Amino acid sequence: MEANKTPRTRFRLYHEQAPLYGKDLPHFTVKIHHRGIMFTKSNNLVYEHGDVDYMDYVHSSSLNRELLDKLVEGVGLDLPMGFLYKKQKFSLLEGLVRIRSNVDIAMLLKDRNGANEVEIYLVLPSRNYELSILIPLRPPSPDNSNVYKGLVIIDPEIGE
């Protein structure tokens, strides 16, 4: 690559090597984790069964919510999507930060501190469900006619 030519932000193809950035340059790679499952295992946060894509030559001045939305579309997912980034030198449990605005992106860039790669996790927007299980107050009858079988899930947003 020519020294006077500014590289373009782009997704890395599977066979390509990671670019070599110099220390403290404004360009870096965004490692995008998506389609996985995040859960707690033995008091530790774990992310498994996902895909990883890379967006190379991201300039620190161009990282914003619009670019994050393009990341979502670039990996074949639909919006809305939640964004979490993992702070450098922290575990998932201790270092995940939700990206809600460009203020959070500014914190990400400050935390980057010259690193060549930042990690972003795409997550579905959270929805809270109220779970109700009906338990009879009296012992079951011999024919089980007074035992409720099943459970009810109520979405608090719509009340059903």
C-alpha atoms as a PDB file:
ATOM      1  CA  MET A   1       0.000   0.000   0.000  1.00  0.00           C
ATOM      2  CA  GLU A   2       1.333   3.421  -0.912  1.00  0.00           C
ATOM      3  CA  ALA A   3       2.339   5.677   1.966  1.00  0.00           C
ATOM      4  CA  ASN A   4       0.312   8.646   0.697  1.00  0.00           C
ATOM      5  CA  LYS A   5      -2.867   6.665   0.067  1.00  0.00           C
ATOM      6  CA  THR A   6      -5.412   6.496   2.886  1.00  0.00           C
ATOM      7  CA  PRO A   7      -6.734   2.920   3.310  1.00  0.00           C
ATOM      8  CA  ARG A   8     -10.483   2.392   3.045  1.00  0.00           C
ATOM      9  CA  THR A   9     -12.523   0.846   5.823  1.00  0.00           C
ATOM     10  CA  ARG A  10     -13.564  -2.614   4.654  1.00  0.00           C
ATOM     11  CA  PHE A  11     -14.477  -6.117   5.794  1.00  0.00           C
ATOM     12  CA  ARG A  12     -11.592  -8.559   5.731  1.00  0.00           C
ATOM     13  CA  LEU A  13     -11.992 -11.580   3.473  1.00  0.00           C
ATOM     14  CA  TYR A  14     -11.543 -14.975   5.137  1.00  0.00           C
ATOM     15  CA  HIS A  15      -8.221 -15.753   3.444  1.00  0.00           C
ATOM     16  CA  GLU A  16      -6.632 -12.362   4.169  1.00  0.00           C
ATOM     17  CA  GLN A  17      -4.078 -11.658   6.865  1.00  0.00           C
ATOM     18  CA  ALA A  18      -4.626  -8.983   9.498  1.00  0.00           C
ATOM     19  CA  PRO A  19      -3.180  -5.635   8.441  1.00  0.00           C
ATOM     20  CA  LEU A  20      -0.017  -4.411  10.109  1.00  0.00           C
ATOM     21  CA  TYR A  21      -0.670  -1.101  11.770  1.00  0.00           C
ATOM     22  CA  GLY A  22       2.082   0.931  13.364  1.00  0.00           C
ATOM     23  CA  LYS A  23       1.888   1.809  17.042  1.00  0.00           C
ATOM     24  CA  ASP A  24      -0.409   4.741  17.871  1.00  0.00           C
ATOM     25  CA  LEU A  25      -1.792   5.115  14.347  1.00  0.00           C
ATOM     26  CA  PRO A  26      -5.412   6.255  13.973  1.00  0.00           C
ATOM     27  CA  HIS A  27      -6.413   3.076  12.079  1.00  0.00           C
ATOM     28  CA  PHE A  28      -7.418  -0.142  13.780  1.00  0.00           C
ATOM     29  CA  THR A  29      -9.487  -3.289  13.294  1.00  0.00           C
ATOM     30  CA  VAL A  30     -12.937  -3.895  14.759  1.00  0.00           C
ATOM     31  CA  LYS A  31     -13.426  -7.561  15.659  1.00  0.00           C
ATOM     32  CA  ILE A  32     -17.165  -8.242  15.425  1.00  0.00           C
ATOM     33  CA  HIS A  33     -18.662 -11.133  17.403  1.00  0.00           C
ATOM     34  CA  HIS A  34     -22.179 -12.056  16.260  1.00  0.00           C
ATOM     35  CA  ARG A  35     -24.770 -14.853  16.181  1.00  0.00           C
ATOM     36  CA  GLY A  36     -23.452 -16.327  19.424  1.00  0.00           C
ATOM     37  CA  ILE A  37     -24.797 -17.011  22.887  1.00  0.00           C
ATOM     38  CA  MET A  38     -23.654 -15.063  25.926  1.00  0.00           C
ATOM     39  CA  PHE A  39     -24.239 -16.752  29.258  1.00  0.00           C
ATOM     40  CA  THR A  40     -22.838 -17.141  32.759  1.00  0.00           C
ATOM     41  CA  LYS A  41     -20.843 -20.278  33.487  1.00  0.00           C
ATOM     42  CA  SER A  42     -19.076 -20.871  36.823  1.00  0.00           C
ATOM     43  CA  ASN A  43     -19.385 -17.181  37.768  1.00  0.00           C
ATOM     44  CA  ASN A  44     -17.803 -16.116  34.491  1.00  0.00           C
ATOM     45  CA  LEU A  45     -19.388 -14.595  31.386  1.00  0.00           C
ATOM     46  CA  VAL A  46     -18.920 -16.775  28.298  1.00  0.00           C
ATOM     47  CA  TYR A  47     -19.641 -16.165  24.601  1.00  0.00           C
ATOM     48  CA  GLU A  48     -19.936 -19.290  22.452  1.00  0.00           C
ATOM     49  CA  HIS A  49     -21.095 -20.620  19.098  1.00  0.00           C
ATOM     50  CA  GLY A  50     -20.795 -17.286  17.319  1.00  0.00           C
ATOM     51  CA  ASP A  51     -19.170 -16.002  14.175  1.00  0.00           C
ATOM     52  CA  VAL A  52     -16.367 -13.476  14.003  1.00  0.00           C
ATOM     53  CA  ASP A  53     -15.836 -10.920  11.253  1.00  0.00           C
ATOM     54  CA  TYR A  54     -13.251  -8.180  10.994  1.00  0.00           C
ATOM     55  CA  MET A  55     -13.546  -4.640   9.705  1.00  0.00           C
ATOM     56  CA  ASP A  56     -10.088  -3.305   8.916  1.00  0.00           C
ATOM     57  CA  TYR A  57      -8.707   0.202   8.530  1.00  0.00           C
ATOM     58  CA  VAL A  58     -11.310   1.842  10.741  1.00  0.00           C
ATOM     59  CA  HIS A  59     -10.153   5.389  11.434  1.00  0.00           C
ATOM     60  CA  SER A  60     -10.730   6.634  14.955  1.00  0.00           C
ATOM     61  CA  SER A  61     -12.553   9.705  13.631  1.00  0.00           C
ATOM     62  CA  SER A  62     -14.991   7.600  11.567  1.00  0.00           C
ATOM     63  CA  LEU A  63     -16.170   5.239  14.314  1.00  0.00           C
ATOM     64  CA  ASN A  64     -19.738   6.275  15.177  1.00  0.00           C
ATOM     65  CA  ARG A  65     -23.228   4.774  15.492  1.00  0.00           C
ATOM     66  CA  GLU A  66     -23.757   4.986  11.737  1.00  0.00           C
ATOM     67  CA  LEU A  67     -20.668   2.850  11.109  1.00  0.00           C
ATOM     68  CA  LEU A  68     -21.813   0.372  13.773  1.00  0.00           C
ATOM     69  CA  ASP A  69     -25.162   0.057  11.977  1.00  0.00           C
ATOM     70  CA  LYS A  70     -23.225  -0.670   8.764  1.00  0.00           C
ATOM     71  CA  LEU A  71     -21.339  -3.391  10.645  1.00  0.00           C
ATOM     72  CA  VAL A  72     -24.665  -5.051  11.460  1.00  0.00           C
ATOM     73  CA  GLU A  73     -25.773  -4.955   7.833  1.00  0.00           C
ATOM     74  CA  GLY A  74     -22.317  -6.090   6.690  1.00  0.00           C
ATOM     75  CA  VAL A  75     -22.545  -9.331   8.661  1.00  0.00           C
ATOM     76  CA  GLY A  76     -26.072  -9.994   7.354  1.00  0.00           C
ATOM     77  CA  LEU A  77     -28.119  -9.113  10.432  1.00  0.00           C
ATOM     78  CA  ASP A  78     -31.084  -6.775  10.818  1.00  0.00           C
ATOM     79  CA  LEU A  79     -31.399  -3.689  12.963  1.00  0.00           C
ATOM     80  CA  PRO A  80     -32.118  -2.907  15.743  1.00  0.00           C
ATOM     81  CA  MET A  81     -29.123  -4.532  17.364  1.00  0.00           C
ATOM     82  CA  GLY A  82     -27.379  -3.846  20.646  1.00  0.00           C
ATOM     83  CA  PHE A  83     -23.646  -3.161  20.808  1.00  0.00           C
ATOM     84  CA  LEU A  84     -21.252  -4.121  23.575  1.00  0.00           C
ATOM     85  CA  TYR A  85     -17.531  -3.540  23.545  1.00  0.00           C
ATOM     86  CA  LYS A  86     -14.951  -5.324  25.638  1.00  0.00           C
ATOM     87  CA  LYS A  87     -12.449  -3.107  27.389  1.00  0.00           C
ATOM     88  CA  GLN A  88      -8.800  -3.882  26.734  1.00  0.00           C
ATOM     89  CA  LYS A  89      -7.179  -6.237  29.270  1.00  0.00           C
ATOM     90  CA  PHE A  90     -10.496  -7.129  30.954  1.00  0.00           C
ATOM     91  CA  SER A  91     -12.539 -10.320  30.939  1.00  0.00           C
ATOM     92  CA  LEU A  92     -16.029 -10.371  29.440  1.00  0.00           C
ATOM     93  CA  LEU A  93     -17.557 -10.305  32.914  1.00  0.00           C
ATOM     94  CA  GLU A  94     -15.635  -7.227  34.034  1.00  0.00           C
ATOM     95  CA  GLY A  95     -15.065  -5.385  30.777  1.00  0.00           C
ATOM     96  CA  LEU A  96     -18.291  -5.306  28.750  1.00  0.00           C
ATOM     97  CA  VAL A  97     -19.723  -1.834  28.175  1.00  0.00           C
ATOM     98  CA  ARG A  98     -22.965  -1.079  26.320  1.00  0.00           C
ATOM     99  CA  ILE A  99     -22.597   1.380  23.434  1.00  0.00           C
ATOM    100  CA  ARG A 100     -25.619   3.672  23.432  1.00  0.00           C
ATOM    101  CA  SER A 101     -24.221   6.869  21.958  1.00  0.00           C
ATOM    102  CA  ASN A 102     -21.144   8.538  20.530  1.00  0.00           C
ATOM    103  CA  VAL A 103     -20.105   9.348  24.128  1.00  0.00           C
ATOM    104  CA  ASP A 104     -19.660   5.600  24.709  1.00  0.00           C
ATOM    105  CA  ILE A 105     -17.710   5.348  21.448  1.00  0.00           C
ATOM    106  CA  ALA A 106     -15.402   8.119  22.680  1.00  0.00           C
ATOM    107  CA  MET A 107     -14.790   6.010  25.820  1.00  0.00           C
ATOM    108  CA  LEU A 108     -14.025   3.005  23.614  1.00  0.00           C
ATOM    109  CA  LEU A 109     -11.475   5.024  21.639  1.00  0.00           C
ATOM    110  CA  LYS A 110      -9.865   6.306  24.822  1.00  0.00           C
ATOM    111  CA  ASP A 111      -9.702   2.765  26.204  1.00  0.00           C
ATOM    112  CA  ARG A 112      -8.196   1.558  22.905  1.00  0.00           C
ATOM    113  CA  ASN A 113      -5.013   3.420  23.834  1.00  0.00           C
ATOM    114  CA  GLY A 114      -3.179   2.598  20.597  1.00  0.00           C
ATOM    115  CA  ALA A 115      -4.287  -1.055  20.400  1.00  0.00           C
ATOM    116  CA  ASN A 116      -4.670  -2.424  16.870  1.00  0.00           C
ATOM    117  CA  GLU A 117      -7.980  -4.158  17.562  1.00  0.00           C
ATOM    118  CA  VAL A 118     -11.188  -3.514  19.486  1.00  0.00           C
ATOM    119  CA  GLU A 119     -13.844  -6.160  20.144  1.00  0.00           C
ATOM    120  CA  ILE A 120     -17.539  -5.476  19.640  1.00  0.00           C
ATOM    121  CA  TYR A 121     -20.336  -7.932  20.418  1.00  0.00           C
ATOM    122  CA  LEU A 122     -23.641  -7.665  18.572  1.00  0.00           C
ATOM    123  CA  VAL A 123     -26.545  -8.638  20.798  1.00  0.00           C
ATOM    124  CA  LEU A 124     -30.290  -8.653  20.370  1.00  0.00           C
ATOM    125  CA  PRO A 125     -32.072  -5.855  22.206  1.00  0.00           C
ATOM    126  CA  SER A 126     -33.157  -7.182  25.573  1.00  0.00           C
ATOM    127  CA  ARG A 127     -36.800  -7.886  26.275  1.00  0.00           C
ATOM    128  CA  ASN A 128     -38.028  -8.700  29.722  1.00  0.00           C
ATOM    129  CA  TYR A 129     -40.700 -11.305  30.180  1.00  0.00           C
ATOM    130  CA  GLU A 130     -42.689 -11.982  33.303  1.00  0.00           C
ATOM    131  CA  LEU A 131     -42.980 -15.676  33.989  1.00  0.00           C
ATOM    132  CA  SER A 132     -46.016 -16.984  35.867  1.00  0.00           C
ATOM    133  CA  ILE A 133     -46.455 -20.576  36.951  1.00  0.00           C
ATOM    134  CA  LEU A 134     -49.819 -21.512  38.420  1.00  0.00           C
ATOM    135  CA  ILE A 135     -49.625 -23.917  41.357  1.00  0.00           C
ATOM    136  CA  PRO A 136     -52.812 -25.291  42.920  1.00  0.00           C
ATOM    137  CA  LEU A 137     -53.312 -24.538  46.614  1.00  0.00           C
ATOM    138  CA  ARG A 138     -54.804 -27.944  47.362  1.00  0.00           C
ATOM    139  CA  PRO A 139     -53.379 -31.402  46.701  1.00  0.00           C
ATOM    140  CA  PRO A 140     -54.169 -32.903  43.306  1.00  0.00           C
ATOM    141  CA  SER A 141     -57.411 -34.846  42.992  1.00  0.00           C
ATOM    142  CA  PRO A 142     -57.206 -38.552  42.073  1.00  0.00           C
ATOM    143  CA  ASP A 143     -58.033 -37.754  38.449  1.00  0.00           C
ATOM    144  CA  ASN A 144     -55.691 -34.667  38.384  1.00  0.00           C
ATOM    145  CA  SER A 145     -58.608 -32.465  37.296  1.00  0.00           C
ATOM    146  CA  ASN A 146     -57.522 -29.604  39.561  1.00  0.00           C
ATOM    147  CA  VAL A 147     -53.854 -29.565  38.430  1.00  0.00           C
ATOM    148  CA  TYR A 148     -52.924 -26.786  36.026  1.00  0.00           C
ATOM    149  CA  LYS A 149     -50.566 -28.068  33.360  1.00  0.00           C
ATOM    150  CA  GLY A 150     -48.389 -25.535  31.588  1.00  0.00           C
ATOM    151  CA  LEU A 151     -47.067 -22.081  32.183  1.00  0.00           C
ATOM    152  CA  VAL A 152     -47.970 -18.591  31.120  1.00  0.00           C
ATOM    153  CA  ILE A 153     -45.469 -16.108  29.704  1.00  0.00           C
ATOM    154  CA  ILE A 154     -46.554 -12.485  29.833  1.00  0.00           C
ATOM    155  CA  ASP A 155     -44.876  -9.763  27.790  1.00  0.00           C
ATOM    156  CA  PRO A 156     -45.111  -6.686  30.058  1.00  0.00           C
ATOM    157  CA  GLU A 157     -44.945  -4.321  27.077  1.00  0.00           C
ATOM    158  CA  ILE A 158     -48.224  -5.537  25.613  1.00  0.00           C
ATOM    159  CA  GLY A 159     -49.737  -7.171  28.717  1.00  0.00           C
ATOM    160  CA  GLU A 160     -50.375 -10.525  27.074  1.00  0.00           C
END
